Amino acid sequence: MIKMIAQTAAPAAPAGSPYIAFGYMVFFMGALYFLFIAPQRKKQKEHDKLVSSLQSGDEIVTTGGIFGTITNVKDDRFVVRVSDNAKIEIGRTFVHAVTKKQDAEEKKSS
């Protein structure tokens, strides 16, 4: 007679707690928020503040690299003088930076 040895299945590894997995997911979502989303929102708020403070006479740089002076402020755009005979209209979101504020020039001359 051949003696058969019963093969027993290895006991399954205990499953991790679902709360731990959820905790890791919350931790990574929080890290992503503080590393990527929060700084971008801060930068956007600063840009919105910059654009809302612009007025006629300010010298600006557009995102396309065009330098000019604001001659007129409209609801959704600026009229910018780029040379003596040329004016263009740009959207508010395309202002990249301010090179000179008109108020700063007036304060220096006083």
PDB file of N, CA and C in Angstrom:
ATOM      1  N   MET A   1       0.780  -1.170   0.000  1.00  0.00           N
ATOM      2  CA  MET A   1       0.000   0.000   0.000  1.00  0.00           C
ATOM      3  C   MET A   1       0.845   1.268   0.000  1.00  0.00           C
ATOM      4  N   ILE A   2       0.360   2.128  -0.752  1.00  0.00           N
ATOM      5  CA  ILE A   2       1.057   3.406  -0.825  1.00  0.00           C
ATOM      6  C   ILE A   2       0.347   4.369   0.110  1.00  0.00           C
ATOM      7  N   LYS A   3       1.143   4.896   0.927  1.00  0.00           N
ATOM      8  CA  LYS A   3       0.584   5.823   1.897  1.00  0.00           C
ATOM      9  C   LYS A   3       0.561   7.222   1.279  1.00  0.00           C
ATOM     10  N   MET A   4      -0.595   7.827   1.258  1.00  0.00           N
ATOM     11  CA  MET A   4      -0.727   9.160   0.690  1.00  0.00           C
ATOM     12  C   MET A   4      -0.634  10.190   1.811  1.00  0.00           C
ATOM     13  N   ILE A   5       0.173  11.125   1.529  1.00  0.00           N
ATOM     14  CA  ILE A   5       0.326  12.211   2.486  1.00  0.00           C
ATOM     15  C   ILE A   5      -0.596  13.347   2.044  1.00  0.00           C
ATOM     16  N   ALA A   6      -1.422  13.719   2.916  1.00  0.00           N
ATOM     17  CA  ALA A   6      -2.364  14.794   2.598  1.00  0.00           C
ATOM     18  C   ALA A   6      -1.597  16.113   2.559  1.00  0.00           C
ATOM     19  N   GLN A   7      -1.796  16.793   1.474  1.00  0.00           N
ATOM     20  CA  GLN A   7      -1.158  18.095   1.355  1.00  0.00           C
ATOM     21  C   GLN A   7      -2.107  19.141   1.949  1.00  0.00           C
ATOM     22  N   THR A   8      -1.577  19.848   2.862  1.00  0.00           N
ATOM     23  CA  THR A   8      -2.401  20.889   3.469  1.00  0.00           C
ATOM     24  C   THR A   8      -2.029  22.223   2.840  1.00  0.00           C
ATOM     25  N   ALA A   9      -3.017  22.969   2.593  1.00  0.00           N
ATOM     26  CA  ALA A   9      -2.788  24.287   2.011  1.00  0.00           C
ATOM     27  C   ALA A   9      -2.188  25.197   3.082  1.00  0.00           C
ATOM     28  N   ALA A  10      -1.239  26.018   2.639  1.00  0.00           N
ATOM     29  CA  ALA A  10      -0.624  26.949   3.581  1.00  0.00           C
ATOM     30  C   ALA A  10      -1.693  27.941   4.011  1.00  0.00           C
ATOM     31  N   PRO A  11      -1.659  28.306   5.255  1.00  0.00           N
ATOM     32  CA  PRO A  11      -2.673  29.253   5.702  1.00  0.00           C
ATOM     33  C   PRO A  11      -2.499  30.595   4.985  1.00  0.00           C
ATOM     34  N   ALA A  12      -3.588  31.192   4.624  1.00  0.00           N
ATOM     35  CA  ALA A  12      -3.557  32.465   3.910  1.00  0.00           C
ATOM     36  C   ALA A  12      -3.033  33.554   4.848  1.00  0.00           C
ATOM     37  N   ALA A  13      -2.263  34.458   4.246  1.00  0.00           N
ATOM     38  CA  ALA A  13      -1.741  35.569   5.045  1.00  0.00           C
ATOM     39  C   ALA A  13      -2.907  36.445   5.469  1.00  0.00           C
ATOM     40  N   PRO A  14      -2.865  36.913   6.669  1.00  0.00           N
ATOM     41  CA  PRO A  14      -3.984  37.750   7.106  1.00  0.00           C
ATOM     42  C   PRO A  14      -4.040  39.032   6.282  1.00  0.00           C
ATOM     43  N   ALA A  15      -5.216  39.411   5.881  1.00  0.00           N
ATOM     44  CA  ALA A  15      -5.397  40.614   5.068  1.00  0.00           C
ATOM     45  C   ALA A  15      -5.182  41.842   5.948  1.00  0.00           C
ATOM     46  N   GLY A  16      -4.597  42.894   5.337  1.00  0.00           N
ATOM     47  CA  GLY A  16      -4.368  44.127   6.079  1.00  0.00           C
ATOM     48  C   GLY A  16      -5.684  44.811   6.372  1.00  0.00           C
ATOM     49  N   SER A  17      -5.650  45.650   7.333  1.00  0.00           N
ATOM     50  CA  SER A  17      -6.858  46.359   7.714  1.00  0.00           C
ATOM     51  C   SER A  17      -7.228  47.364   6.618  1.00  0.00           C
ATOM     52  N   PRO A  18      -8.478  47.440   6.248  1.00  0.00           N
ATOM     53  CA  PRO A  18      -8.873  48.418   5.225  1.00  0.00           C
ATOM     54  C   PRO A  18      -8.690  49.859   5.720  1.00  0.00           C
ATOM     55  N   TYR A  19      -8.675  50.039   7.025  1.00  0.00           N
ATOM     56  CA  TYR A  19      -8.481  51.384   7.573  1.00  0.00           C
ATOM     57  C   TYR A  19      -7.064  51.890   7.317  1.00  0.00           C
ATOM     58  N   ILE A  20      -6.111  50.991   7.341  1.00  0.00           N
ATOM     59  CA  ILE A  20      -4.720  51.389   7.075  1.00  0.00           C
ATOM     60  C   ILE A  20      -4.574  51.803   5.614  1.00  0.00           C
ATOM     61  N   ALA A  21      -5.155  51.029   4.716  1.00  0.00           N
ATOM     62  CA  ALA A  21      -5.098  51.383   3.292  1.00  0.00           C
ATOM     63  C   ALA A  21      -5.775  52.729   3.048  1.00  0.00           C
ATOM     64  N   PHE A  22      -6.902  52.956   3.689  1.00  0.00           N
ATOM     65  CA  PHE A  22      -7.596  54.230   3.552  1.00  0.00           C
ATOM     66  C   PHE A  22      -6.748  55.368   4.126  1.00  0.00           C
ATOM     67  N   GLY A  23      -6.077  55.110   5.218  1.00  0.00           N
ATOM     68  CA  GLY A  23      -5.201  56.110   5.829  1.00  0.00           C
ATOM     69  C   GLY A  23      -4.058  56.499   4.899  1.00  0.00           C
ATOM     70  N   TYR A  24      -3.453  55.505   4.229  1.00  0.00           N
ATOM     71  CA  TYR A  24      -2.397  55.808   3.260  1.00  0.00           C
ATOM     72  C   TYR A  24      -2.931  56.662   2.110  1.00  0.00           C
ATOM     73  N   MET A  25      -4.120  56.328   1.636  1.00  0.00           N
ATOM     74  CA  MET A  25      -4.701  57.072   0.534  1.00  0.00           C
ATOM     75  C   MET A  25      -4.964  58.533   0.945  1.00  0.00           C
ATOM     76  N   VAL A  26      -5.482  58.738   2.127  1.00  0.00           N
ATOM     77  CA  VAL A  26      -5.736  60.094   2.614  1.00  0.00           C
ATOM     78  C   VAL A  26      -4.420  60.849   2.759  1.00  0.00           C
ATOM     79  N   PHE A  27      -3.405  60.184   3.270  1.00  0.00           N
ATOM     80  CA  PHE A  27      -2.089  60.816   3.426  1.00  0.00           C
ATOM     81  C   PHE A  27      -1.534  61.259   2.077  1.00  0.00           C
ATOM     82  N   PHE A  28      -1.585  60.413   1.069  1.00  0.00           N
ATOM     83  CA  PHE A  28      -1.056  60.763  -0.245  1.00  0.00           C
ATOM     84  C   PHE A  28      -1.879  61.861  -0.914  1.00  0.00           C
ATOM     85  N   MET A  29      -3.183  61.851  -0.738  1.00  0.00           N
ATOM     86  CA  MET A  29      -4.015  62.923  -1.298  1.00  0.00           C
ATOM     87  C   MET A  29      -3.670  64.258  -0.628  1.00  0.00           C
ATOM     88  N   GLY A  30      -3.475  64.240   0.679  1.00  0.00           N
ATOM     89  CA  GLY A  30      -3.079  65.457   1.387  1.00  0.00           C
ATOM     90  C   GLY A  30      -1.717  65.953   0.934  1.00  0.00           C
ATOM     91  N   ALA A  31      -0.782  65.040   0.740  1.00  0.00           N
ATOM     92  CA  ALA A  31       0.555  65.431   0.272  1.00  0.00           C
ATOM     93  C   ALA A  31       0.466  66.043  -1.116  1.00  0.00           C
ATOM     94  N   LEU A  32      -0.308  65.454  -2.004  1.00  0.00           N
ATOM     95  CA  LEU A  32      -0.468  66.011  -3.349  1.00  0.00           C
ATOM     96  C   LEU A  32      -1.085  67.398  -3.298  1.00  0.00           C
ATOM     97  N   TYR A  33      -2.049  67.585  -2.414  1.00  0.00           N
ATOM     98  CA  TYR A  33      -2.679  68.899  -2.299  1.00  0.00           C
ATOM     99  C   TYR A  33      -1.651  69.947  -1.879  1.00  0.00           C
ATOM    100  N   PHE A  34      -0.880  69.652  -0.836  1.00  0.00           N
ATOM    101  CA  PHE A  34       0.057  70.646  -0.329  1.00  0.00           C
ATOM    102  C   PHE A  34       1.279  70.826  -1.218  1.00  0.00           C
ATOM    103  N   LEU A  35       1.612  69.842  -2.029  1.00  0.00           N
ATOM    104  CA  LEU A  35       2.769  69.974  -2.913  1.00  0.00           C
ATOM    105  C   LEU A  35       2.427  70.619  -4.249  1.00  0.00           C
ATOM    106  N   PHE A  36       1.218  70.384  -4.754  1.00  0.00           N
ATOM    107  CA  PHE A  36       0.900  70.849  -6.099  1.00  0.00           C
ATOM    108  C   PHE A  36      -0.254  71.854  -6.154  1.00  0.00           C
ATOM    109  N   ILE A  37      -1.354  71.555  -5.538  1.00  0.00           N
ATOM    110  CA  ILE A  37      -2.555  72.360  -5.705  1.00  0.00           C
ATOM    111  C   ILE A  37      -2.474  73.675  -4.927  1.00  0.00           C
ATOM    112  N   ALA A  38      -2.070  73.640  -3.664  1.00  0.00           N
ATOM    113  CA  ALA A  38      -2.028  74.857  -2.844  1.00  0.00           C
ATOM    114  C   ALA A  38      -1.082  75.912  -3.406  1.00  0.00           C
ATOM    115  N   PRO A  39       0.158  75.563  -3.812  1.00  0.00           N
ATOM    116  CA  PRO A  39       1.029  76.600  -4.386  1.00  0.00           C
ATOM    117  C   PRO A  39       0.471  77.200  -5.676  1.00  0.00           C
ATOM    118  N   GLN A  40      -0.175  76.386  -6.495  1.00  0.00           N
ATOM    119  CA  GLN A  40      -0.734  76.896  -7.741  1.00  0.00           C
ATOM    120  C   GLN A  40      -1.888  77.852  -7.469  1.00  0.00           C
ATOM    121  N   ARG A  41      -2.715  77.549  -6.492  1.00  0.00           N
ATOM    122  CA  ARG A  41      -3.819  78.443  -6.142  1.00  0.00           C
ATOM    123  C   ARG A  41      -3.289  79.770  -5.607  1.00  0.00           C
ATOM    124  N   LYS A  42      -2.219  79.714  -4.815  1.00  0.00           N
ATOM    125  CA  LYS A  42      -1.611  80.939  -4.283  1.00  0.00           C
ATOM    126  C   LYS A  42      -1.069  81.803  -5.421  1.00  0.00           C
ATOM    127  N   LYS A  43      -0.412  81.162  -6.370  1.00  0.00           N
ATOM    128  CA  LYS A  43       0.140  81.885  -7.514  1.00  0.00           C
ATOM    129  C   LYS A  43      -0.981  82.516  -8.344  1.00  0.00           C
ATOM    130  N   GLN A  44      -2.084  81.805  -8.526  1.00  0.00           N
ATOM    131  CA  GLN A  44      -3.217  82.320  -9.281  1.00  0.00           C
ATOM    132  C   GLN A  44      -3.845  83.522  -8.585  1.00  0.00           C
ATOM    133  N   LYS A  45      -3.963  83.474  -7.268  1.00  0.00           N
ATOM    134  CA  LYS A  45      -4.524  84.606  -6.529  1.00  0.00           C
ATOM    135  C   LYS A  45      -3.628  85.835  -6.650  1.00  0.00           C
ATOM    136  N   GLU A  46      -2.304  85.642  -6.598  1.00  0.00           N
ATOM    137  CA  GLU A  46      -1.379  86.765  -6.752  1.00  0.00           C
ATOM    138  C   GLU A  46      -1.505  87.382  -8.147  1.00  0.00           C
ATOM    139  N   HIS A  47      -1.659  86.543  -9.168  1.00  0.00           N
ATOM    140  CA  HIS A  47      -1.802  87.040 -10.535  1.00  0.00           C
ATOM    141  C   HIS A  47      -3.111  87.814 -10.682  1.00  0.00           C
ATOM    142  N   ASP A  48      -4.187  87.291 -10.111  1.00  0.00           N
ATOM    143  CA  ASP A  48      -5.473  87.997 -10.173  1.00  0.00           C
ATOM    144  C   ASP A  48      -5.386  89.363  -9.486  1.00  0.00           C
ATOM    145  N   LYS A  49      -4.684  89.423  -8.359  1.00  0.00           N
ATOM    146  CA  LYS A  49      -4.503  90.686  -7.656  1.00  0.00           C
ATOM    147  C   LYS A  49      -3.689  91.657  -8.513  1.00  0.00           C
ATOM    148  N   LEU A  50      -2.650  91.168  -9.172  1.00  0.00           N
ATOM    149  CA  LEU A  50      -1.820  91.995 -10.045  1.00  0.00           C
ATOM    150  C   LEU A  50      -2.650  92.568 -11.185  1.00  0.00           C
ATOM    151  N   VAL A  51      -3.427  91.724 -11.847  1.00  0.00           N
ATOM    152  CA  VAL A  51      -4.219  92.155 -13.002  1.00  0.00           C
ATOM    153  C   VAL A  51      -5.298  93.147 -12.579  1.00  0.00           C
ATOM    154  N   SER A  52      -5.907  92.940 -11.427  1.00  0.00           N
ATOM    155  CA  SER A  52      -6.971  93.855 -11.004  1.00  0.00           C
ATOM    156  C   SER A  52      -6.422  95.219 -10.595  1.00  0.00           C
ATOM    157  N   SER A  53      -5.146  95.298 -10.263  1.00  0.00           N
ATOM    158  CA  SER A  53      -4.575  96.585  -9.853  1.00  0.00           C
ATOM    159  C   SER A  53      -3.995  97.379 -11.022  1.00  0.00           C
ATOM    160  N   LEU A  54      -4.012  96.833 -12.233  1.00  0.00           N
ATOM    161  CA  LEU A  54      -3.447  97.539 -13.376  1.00  0.00           C
ATOM    162  C   LEU A  54      -4.347  98.708 -13.790  1.00  0.00           C
ATOM    163  N   GLN A  55      -3.702  99.761 -14.269  1.00  0.00           N
ATOM    164  CA  GLN A  55      -4.437 100.932 -14.730  1.00  0.00           C
ATOM    165  C   GLN A  55      -3.696 101.549 -15.904  1.00  0.00           C
ATOM    166  N   SER A  56      -4.275 102.549 -16.508  1.00  0.00           N
ATOM    167  CA  SER A  56      -3.661 103.213 -17.649  1.00  0.00           C
ATOM    168  C   SER A  56      -2.323 103.815 -17.231  1.00  0.00           C
ATOM    169  N   GLY A  57      -1.329 103.649 -18.105  1.00  0.00           N
ATOM    170  CA  GLY A  57      -0.001 104.178 -17.844  1.00  0.00           C
ATOM    171  C   GLY A  57       0.981 103.146 -17.325  1.00  0.00           C
ATOM    172  N   ASP A  58       0.497 101.987 -16.874  1.00  0.00           N
ATOM    173  CA  ASP A  58       1.401 100.938 -16.391  1.00  0.00           C
ATOM    174  C   ASP A  58       2.076 100.256 -17.576  1.00  0.00           C
ATOM    175  N   GLU A  59       3.358  99.970 -17.423  1.00  0.00           N
ATOM    176  CA  GLU A  59       4.087  99.235 -18.456  1.00  0.00           C
ATOM    177  C   GLU A  59       4.079  97.764 -18.089  1.00  0.00           C
ATOM    178  N   ILE A  60       3.735  96.918 -19.074  1.00  0.00           N
ATOM    179  CA  ILE A  60       3.563  95.493 -18.808  1.00  0.00           C
ATOM    180  C   ILE A  60       4.347  94.645 -19.807  1.00  0.00           C
ATOM    181  N   VAL A  61       4.435  93.358 -19.482  1.00  0.00           N
ATOM    182  CA  VAL A  61       4.962  92.344 -20.389  1.00  0.00           C
ATOM    183  C   VAL A  61       3.882  91.281 -20.509  1.00  0.00           C
ATOM    184  N   THR A  62       3.565  90.884 -21.744  1.00  0.00           N
ATOM    185  CA  THR A  62       2.555  89.847 -21.950  1.00  0.00           C
ATOM    186  C   THR A  62       3.213  88.478 -21.895  1.00  0.00           C
ATOM    187  N   THR A  63       2.394  87.434 -21.854  1.00  0.00           N
ATOM    188  CA  THR A  63       2.940  86.079 -21.838  1.00  0.00           C
ATOM    189  C   THR A  63       3.647  85.756 -23.141  1.00  0.00           C
ATOM    190  N   GLY A  64       3.333  86.475 -24.206  1.00  0.00           N
ATOM    191  CA  GLY A  64       4.013  86.286 -25.483  1.00  0.00           C
ATOM    192  C   GLY A  64       5.304  87.066 -25.590  1.00  0.00           C
ATOM    193  N   GLY A  65       5.630  87.859 -24.562  1.00  0.00           N
ATOM    194  CA  GLY A  65       6.873  88.602 -24.559  1.00  0.00           C
ATOM    195  C   GLY A  65       6.776  89.989 -25.160  1.00  0.00           C
ATOM    196  N   ILE A  66       5.579  90.516 -25.325  1.00  0.00           N
ATOM    197  CA  ILE A  66       5.390  91.846 -25.895  1.00  0.00           C
ATOM    198  C   ILE A  66       5.405  92.873 -24.770  1.00  0.00           C
ATOM    199  N   PHE A  67       6.245  93.887 -24.915  1.00  0.00           N
ATOM    200  CA  PHE A  67       6.310  94.986 -23.958  1.00  0.00           C
ATOM    201  C   PHE A  67       5.409  96.106 -24.445  1.00  0.00           C
ATOM    202  N   GLY A  68       4.696  96.745 -23.534  1.00  0.00           N
ATOM    203  CA  GLY A  68       3.836  97.845 -23.929  1.00  0.00           C
ATOM    204  C   GLY A  68       3.330  98.616 -22.726  1.00  0.00           C
ATOM    205  N   THR A  69       2.595  99.671 -23.027  1.00  0.00           N
ATOM    206  CA  THR A  69       2.014 100.537 -21.999  1.00  0.00           C
ATOM    207  C   THR A  69       0.501 100.493 -22.127  1.00  0.00           C
ATOM    208  N   ILE A  70      -0.172 100.293 -21.025  1.00  0.00           N
ATOM    209  CA  ILE A  70      -1.638 100.242 -21.031  1.00  0.00           C
ATOM    210  C   ILE A  70      -2.173 101.647 -21.271  1.00  0.00           C
ATOM    211  N   THR A  71      -3.051 101.762 -22.273  1.00  0.00           N
ATOM    212  CA  THR A  71      -3.661 103.058 -22.558  1.00  0.00           C
ATOM    213  C   THR A  71      -5.130 103.099 -22.158  1.00  0.00           C
ATOM    214  N   ASN A  72      -5.784 101.942 -22.108  1.00  0.00           N
ATOM    215  CA  ASN A  72      -7.196 101.907 -21.765  1.00  0.00           C
ATOM    216  C   ASN A  72      -7.495 100.570 -21.094  1.00  0.00           C
ATOM    217  N   VAL A  73      -8.318 100.607 -20.063  1.00  0.00           N
ATOM    218  CA  VAL A  73      -8.716  99.398 -19.348  1.00  0.00           C
ATOM    219  C   VAL A  73     -10.185  99.139 -19.642  1.00  0.00           C
ATOM    220  N   LYS A  74     -10.484  97.956 -20.183  1.00  0.00           N
ATOM    221  CA  LYS A  74     -11.871  97.546 -20.439  1.00  0.00           C
ATOM    222  C   LYS A  74     -12.231  96.423 -19.484  1.00  0.00           C
ATOM    223  N   ASP A  75     -13.480  95.956 -19.566  1.00  0.00           N
ATOM    224  CA  ASP A  75     -13.935  94.913 -18.645  1.00  0.00           C
ATOM    225  C   ASP A  75     -13.112  93.638 -18.739  1.00  0.00           C
ATOM    226  N   ASP A  76     -12.874  93.150 -19.953  1.00  0.00           N
ATOM    227  CA  ASP A  76     -12.213  91.867 -20.118  1.00  0.00           C
ATOM    228  C   ASP A  76     -10.876  91.944 -20.856  1.00  0.00           C
ATOM    229  N   ARG A  77     -10.405  93.157 -21.126  1.00  0.00           N
ATOM    230  CA  ARG A  77      -9.151  93.298 -21.868  1.00  0.00           C
ATOM    231  C   ARG A  77      -8.501  94.644 -21.616  1.00  0.00           C
ATOM    232  N   PHE A  78      -7.264  94.749 -22.081  1.00  0.00           N
ATOM    233  CA  PHE A  78      -6.507  95.991 -22.004  1.00  0.00           C
ATOM    234  C   PHE A  78      -6.152  96.441 -23.411  1.00  0.00           C
ATOM    235  N   VAL A  79      -6.134  97.741 -23.633  1.00  0.00           N
ATOM    236  CA  VAL A  79      -5.611  98.298 -24.873  1.00  0.00           C
ATOM    237  C   VAL A  79      -4.182  98.715 -24.549  1.00  0.00           C
ATOM    238  N   VAL A  80      -3.225  98.149 -25.308  1.00  0.00           N
ATOM    239  CA  VAL A  80      -1.811  98.348 -25.002  1.00  0.00           C
ATOM    240  C   VAL A  80      -1.121  99.015 -26.186  1.00  0.00           C
ATOM    241  N   ARG A  81      -0.371 100.077 -25.910  1.00  0.00           N
ATOM    242  CA  ARG A  81       0.412 100.745 -26.950  1.00  0.00           C
ATOM    243  C   ARG A  81       1.773 100.055 -26.983  1.00  0.00           C
ATOM    244  N   VAL A  82       2.121  99.474 -28.145  1.00  0.00           N
ATOM    245  CA  VAL A  82       3.389  98.766 -28.277  1.00  0.00           C
ATOM    246  C   VAL A  82       4.421  99.579 -29.040  1.00  0.00           C
ATOM    247  N   SER A  83       3.981 100.566 -29.783  1.00  0.00           N
ATOM    248  CA  SER A  83       4.890 101.515 -30.437  1.00  0.00           C
ATOM    249  C   SER A  83       4.118 102.823 -30.611  1.00  0.00           C
ATOM    250  N   ASP A  84       4.758 103.796 -31.269  1.00  0.00           N
ATOM    251  CA  ASP A  84       4.109 105.102 -31.400  1.00  0.00           C
ATOM    252  C   ASP A  84       2.791 105.035 -32.161  1.00  0.00           C
ATOM    253  N   ASN A  85       2.703 104.182 -33.174  1.00  0.00           N
ATOM    254  CA  ASN A  85       1.511 104.135 -34.024  1.00  0.00           C
ATOM    255  C   ASN A  85       0.712 102.849 -33.894  1.00  0.00           C
ATOM    256  N   ALA A  86       1.092 101.967 -32.970  1.00  0.00           N
ATOM    257  CA  ALA A  86       0.419 100.668 -32.904  1.00  0.00           C
ATOM    258  C   ALA A  86      -0.153 100.415 -31.513  1.00  0.00           C
ATOM    259  N   LYS A  87      -1.433 100.042 -31.499  1.00  0.00           N
ATOM    260  CA  LYS A  87      -2.105  99.643 -30.262  1.00  0.00           C
ATOM    261  C   LYS A  87      -2.721  98.271 -30.494  1.00  0.00           C
ATOM    262  N   ILE A  88      -2.671  97.439 -29.476  1.00  0.00           N
ATOM    263  CA  ILE A  88      -3.291  96.115 -29.561  1.00  0.00           C
ATOM    264  C   ILE A  88      -4.175  95.920 -28.343  1.00  0.00           C
ATOM    265  N   GLU A  89      -5.125  95.022 -28.465  1.00  0.00           N
ATOM    266  CA  GLU A  89      -5.971  94.653 -27.340  1.00  0.00           C
ATOM    267  C   GLU A  89      -5.579  93.254 -26.905  1.00  0.00           C
ATOM    268  N   ILE A  90      -5.359  93.085 -25.599  1.00  0.00           N
ATOM    269  CA  ILE A  90      -5.019  91.759 -25.071  1.00  0.00           C
ATOM    270  C   ILE A  90      -5.987  91.423 -23.941  1.00  0.00           C
ATOM    271  N   GLY A  91      -6.209  90.143 -23.756  1.00  0.00           N
ATOM    272  CA  GLY A  91      -7.049  89.687 -22.653  1.00  0.00           C
ATOM    273  C   GLY A  91      -6.336  89.874 -21.330  1.00  0.00           C
ATOM    274  N   ARG A  92      -7.106  90.024 -20.275  1.00  0.00           N
ATOM    275  CA  ARG A  92      -6.536  90.251 -18.948  1.00  0.00           C
ATOM    276  C   ARG A  92      -5.612  89.116 -18.508  1.00  0.00           C
ATOM    277  N   THR A  93      -5.921  87.904 -18.885  1.00  0.00           N
ATOM    278  CA  THR A  93      -5.130  86.764 -18.420  1.00  0.00           C
ATOM    279  C   THR A  93      -3.769  86.675 -19.098  1.00  0.00           C
ATOM    280  N   PHE A  94      -3.546  87.446 -20.156  1.00  0.00           N
ATOM    281  CA  PHE A  94      -2.283  87.362 -20.879  1.00  0.00           C
ATOM    282  C   PHE A  94      -1.227  88.338 -20.374  1.00  0.00           C
ATOM    283  N   VAL A  95      -1.510  89.046 -19.296  1.00  0.00           N
ATOM    284  CA  VAL A  95      -0.503  89.911 -18.682  1.00  0.00           C
ATOM    285  C   VAL A  95       0.390  89.030 -17.825  1.00  0.00           C
ATOM    286  N   HIS A  96       1.689  89.096 -18.087  1.00  0.00           N
ATOM    287  CA  HIS A  96       2.630  88.259 -17.340  1.00  0.00           C
ATOM    288  C   HIS A  96       3.230  89.008 -16.158  1.00  0.00           C
ATOM    289  N   ALA A  97       3.685  90.229 -16.404  1.00  0.00           N
ATOM    290  CA  ALA A  97       4.352  90.986 -15.339  1.00  0.00           C
ATOM    291  C   ALA A  97       4.211  92.472 -15.599  1.00  0.00           C
ATOM    292  N   VAL A  98       4.453  93.242 -14.562  1.00  0.00           N
ATOM    293  CA  VAL A  98       4.446  94.698 -14.653  1.00  0.00           C
ATOM    294  C   VAL A  98       5.892  95.161 -14.550  1.00  0.00           C
ATOM    295  N   THR A  99       6.333  95.976 -15.522  1.00  0.00           N
ATOM    296  CA  THR A  99       7.694  96.483 -15.461  1.00  0.00           C
ATOM    297  C   THR A  99       7.771  97.808 -14.730  1.00  0.00           C
ATOM    298  N   LYS A 100       6.765  98.666 -14.901  1.00  0.00           N
ATOM    299  CA  LYS A 100       6.702  99.950 -14.191  1.00  0.00           C
ATOM    300  C   LYS A 100       5.256 100.277 -13.883  1.00  0.00           C
ATOM    301  N   LYS A 101       5.015 100.675 -12.648  1.00  0.00           N
ATOM    302  CA  LYS A 101       3.696 101.159 -12.262  1.00  0.00           C
ATOM    303  C   LYS A 101       3.693 102.677 -12.393  1.00  0.00           C
ATOM    304  N   GLN A 102       2.606 103.236 -12.842  1.00  0.00           N
ATOM    305  CA  GLN A 102       2.506 104.688 -12.995  1.00  0.00           C
ATOM    306  C   GLN A 102       2.589 105.370 -11.636  1.00  0.00           C
ATOM    307  N   ASP A 103       2.009 104.767 -10.605  1.00  0.00           N
ATOM    308  CA  ASP A 103       2.044 105.355  -9.266  1.00  0.00           C
ATOM    309  C   ASP A 103       3.473 105.481  -8.756  1.00  0.00           C
ATOM    310  N   ALA A 104       4.317 104.514  -9.069  1.00  0.00           N
ATOM    311  CA  ALA A 104       5.700 104.546  -8.608  1.00  0.00           C
ATOM    312  C   ALA A 104       6.450 105.718  -9.216  1.00  0.00           C
ATOM    313  N   GLU A 105       6.176 106.023 -10.489  1.00  0.00           N
ATOM    314  CA  GLU A 105       6.834 107.160 -11.149  1.00  0.00           C
ATOM    315  C   GLU A 105       6.378 108.474 -10.524  1.00  0.00           C
ATOM    316  N   GLU A 106       5.090 108.577 -10.213  1.00  0.00           N
ATOM    317  CA  GLU A 106       4.560 109.812  -9.634  1.00  0.00           C
ATOM    318  C   GLU A 106       5.134 110.046  -8.241  1.00  0.00           C
ATOM    319  N   LYS A 107       5.314 108.993  -7.462  1.00  0.00           N
ATOM    320  CA  LYS A 107       5.863 109.119  -6.101  1.00  0.00           C
ATOM    321  C   LYS A 107       7.331 109.526  -6.152  1.00  0.00           C
ATOM    322  N   LYS A 108       8.083 109.026  -7.142  1.00  0.00           N
ATOM    323  CA  LYS A 108       9.498 109.371  -7.255  1.00  0.00           C
ATOM    324  C   LYS A 108       9.683 110.831  -7.646  1.00  0.00           C
ATOM    325  N   SER A 109       8.805 111.333  -8.510  1.00  0.00           N
ATOM    326  CA  SER A 109       8.945 112.725  -8.973  1.00  0.00           C
ATOM    327  C   SER A 109       8.493 113.727  -7.915  1.00  0.00           C
ATOM    328  N   SER A 110       7.726 113.291  -6.924  1.00  0.00           N
ATOM    329  CA  SER A 110       7.233 114.206  -5.874  1.00  0.00           C
ATOM    330  C   SER A 110       8.284 114.466  -4.833  1.00  0.00           C
TER     331      SER A 110
END
